[in-house]
């Protein structure tokens, strides 16, 4: 969740945690999938695209929540 009143850079902390979790999983011979969605707009101080790119750069699959639900329900 981005926007006024939200963390000034939520993707930084989340990206650090994603990288660490994926590294730990890899060391243990596992693969960790991380799926994220960003609720906000381009006009928010954190910027929706910039936030999404930062999370993707850390290894997350960033999808719009509605699109993700559509993909899941098609595979049921």
C-alpha atoms as a PDB file:
ATOM      1  CA  UNK A   1       0.000   0.000   0.000  1.00  0.00           C
ATOM      2  CA  UNK A   2       1.503   3.280  -1.083  1.00  0.00           C
ATOM      3  CA  UNK A   3       0.253   6.833  -0.951  1.00  0.00           C
ATOM      4  CA  UNK A   4       0.069   9.718   1.453  1.00  0.00           C
ATOM      5  CA  UNK A   5       0.172   8.474   5.031  1.00  0.00           C
ATOM      6  CA  UNK A   6       1.965   5.267   4.038  1.00  0.00           C
ATOM      7  CA  UNK A   7       5.605   4.345   4.572  1.00  0.00           C
ATOM      8  CA  UNK A   8       7.834   6.678   2.549  1.00  0.00           C
ATOM      9  CA  UNK A   9       9.630   3.758   0.846  1.00  0.00           C
ATOM     10  CA  UNK A  10       7.941   0.440   1.637  1.00  0.00           C
ATOM     11  CA  UNK A  11       9.622  -1.342  -1.267  1.00  0.00           C
ATOM     12  CA  UNK A  12      13.093  -0.869   0.247  1.00  0.00           C
ATOM     13  CA  UNK A  13      12.375  -2.828   3.421  1.00  0.00           C
ATOM     14  CA  UNK A  14      10.301  -5.414   1.576  1.00  0.00           C
ATOM     15  CA  UNK A  15      12.983  -5.849  -1.104  1.00  0.00           C
ATOM     16  CA  UNK A  16      15.638  -6.448   1.531  1.00  0.00           C
ATOM     17  CA  UNK A  17      13.427  -9.068   3.219  1.00  0.00           C
ATOM     18  CA  UNK A  18      12.617 -10.756  -0.118  1.00  0.00           C
ATOM     19  CA  UNK A  19      16.294 -11.029  -1.055  1.00  0.00           C
ATOM     20  CA  UNK A  20      17.241 -12.460   2.348  1.00  0.00           C
ATOM     21  CA  UNK A  21      14.391 -14.989   2.321  1.00  0.00           C
ATOM     22  CA  UNK A  22      15.185 -16.136  -1.227  1.00  0.00           C
ATOM     23  CA  UNK A  23      18.901 -16.455  -0.374  1.00  0.00           C
ATOM     24  CA  UNK A  24      18.107 -18.527   2.719  1.00  0.00           C
ATOM     25  CA  UNK A  25      15.801 -20.789   0.731  1.00  0.00           C
ATOM     26  CA  UNK A  26      18.462 -21.274  -1.955  1.00  0.00           C
ATOM     27  CA  UNK A  27      21.090 -22.178   0.659  1.00  0.00           C
ATOM     28  CA  UNK A  28      18.710 -24.850   1.919  1.00  0.00           C
ATOM     29  CA  UNK A  29      18.132 -26.186  -1.589  1.00  0.00           C
ATOM     30  CA  UNK A  30      14.644 -24.734  -1.857  1.00  0.00           C
ATOM     31  CA  UNK A  31      13.031 -22.203  -4.180  1.00  0.00           C
ATOM     32  CA  UNK A  32      10.877 -19.443  -2.769  1.00  0.00           C
ATOM     33  CA  UNK A  33       8.225 -17.789  -4.919  1.00  0.00           C
ATOM     34  CA  UNK A  34       7.232 -14.295  -3.842  1.00  0.00           C
ATOM     35  CA  UNK A  35       4.132 -12.672  -5.307  1.00  0.00           C
ATOM     36  CA  UNK A  36       3.348  -9.025  -4.613  1.00  0.00           C
ATOM     37  CA  UNK A  37       0.828  -6.425  -5.611  1.00  0.00           C
ATOM     38  CA  UNK A  38       1.135  -2.668  -5.251  1.00  0.00           C
ATOM     39  CA  UNK A  39      -1.973  -0.737  -4.318  1.00  0.00           C
ATOM     40  CA  UNK A  40      -1.464   2.867  -5.377  1.00  0.00           C
ATOM     41  CA  UNK A  41      -1.049   5.212  -8.316  1.00  0.00           C
ATOM     42  CA  UNK A  42       1.663   6.856 -10.375  1.00  0.00           C
ATOM     43  CA  UNK A  43       0.819  10.107  -8.599  1.00  0.00           C
ATOM     44  CA  UNK A  44       1.581   8.743  -5.130  1.00  0.00           C
ATOM     45  CA  UNK A  45       4.842   9.963  -3.564  1.00  0.00           C
ATOM     46  CA  UNK A  46       6.303   6.436  -3.791  1.00  0.00           C
ATOM     47  CA  UNK A  47       5.129   5.977  -7.421  1.00  0.00           C
ATOM     48  CA  UNK A  48       3.422   2.733  -8.363  1.00  0.00           C
ATOM     49  CA  UNK A  49       5.804   1.824 -11.197  1.00  0.00           C
ATOM     50  CA  UNK A  50       8.961   2.594  -9.215  1.00  0.00           C
ATOM     51  CA  UNK A  51       7.698   0.535  -6.275  1.00  0.00           C
ATOM     52  CA  UNK A  52       6.756  -2.372  -8.542  1.00  0.00           C
ATOM     53  CA  UNK A  53      10.140  -2.321 -10.282  1.00  0.00           C
ATOM     54  CA  UNK A  54      11.991  -2.293  -6.972  1.00  0.00           C
ATOM     55  CA  UNK A  55      10.063  -5.347  -5.752  1.00  0.00           C
ATOM     56  CA  UNK A  56      10.561  -7.138  -9.060  1.00  0.00           C
ATOM     57  CA  UNK A  57      14.272  -6.392  -8.890  1.00  0.00           C
ATOM     58  CA  UNK A  58      14.387  -8.197  -5.550  1.00  0.00           C
ATOM     59  CA  UNK A  59      12.851 -11.279  -7.129  1.00  0.00           C
ATOM     60  CA  UNK A  60       9.140 -10.797  -6.540  1.00  0.00           C
ATOM     61  CA  UNK A  61       6.534 -11.439  -9.197  1.00  0.00           C
ATOM     62  CA  UNK A  62       4.490  -8.247  -9.159  1.00  0.00           C
ATOM     63  CA  UNK A  63       0.929  -8.530 -10.422  1.00  0.00           C
ATOM     64  CA  UNK A  64      -2.206  -6.501 -10.162  1.00  0.00           C
ATOM     65  CA  UNK A  65      -4.353  -8.222  -7.547  1.00  0.00           C
ATOM     66  CA  UNK A  66      -7.381  -8.523  -9.819  1.00  0.00           C
ATOM     67  CA  UNK A  67      -5.296 -10.074 -12.601  1.00  0.00           C
ATOM     68  CA  UNK A  68      -3.714 -12.514 -10.126  1.00  0.00           C
ATOM     69  CA  UNK A  69      -7.124 -13.669  -8.893  1.00  0.00           C
ATOM     70  CA  UNK A  70      -8.224 -14.129 -12.503  1.00  0.00           C
ATOM     71  CA  UNK A  71      -5.203 -16.337 -13.220  1.00  0.00           C
ATOM     72  CA  UNK A  72      -5.799 -18.439 -10.119  1.00  0.00           C
ATOM     73  CA  UNK A  73      -9.487 -18.989 -10.778  1.00  0.00           C
ATOM     74  CA  UNK A  74      -8.867 -20.024 -14.386  1.00  0.00           C
ATOM     75  CA  UNK A  75      -6.632 -22.840 -13.139  1.00  0.00           C
ATOM     76  CA  UNK A  76      -9.080 -24.327 -10.623  1.00  0.00           C
END
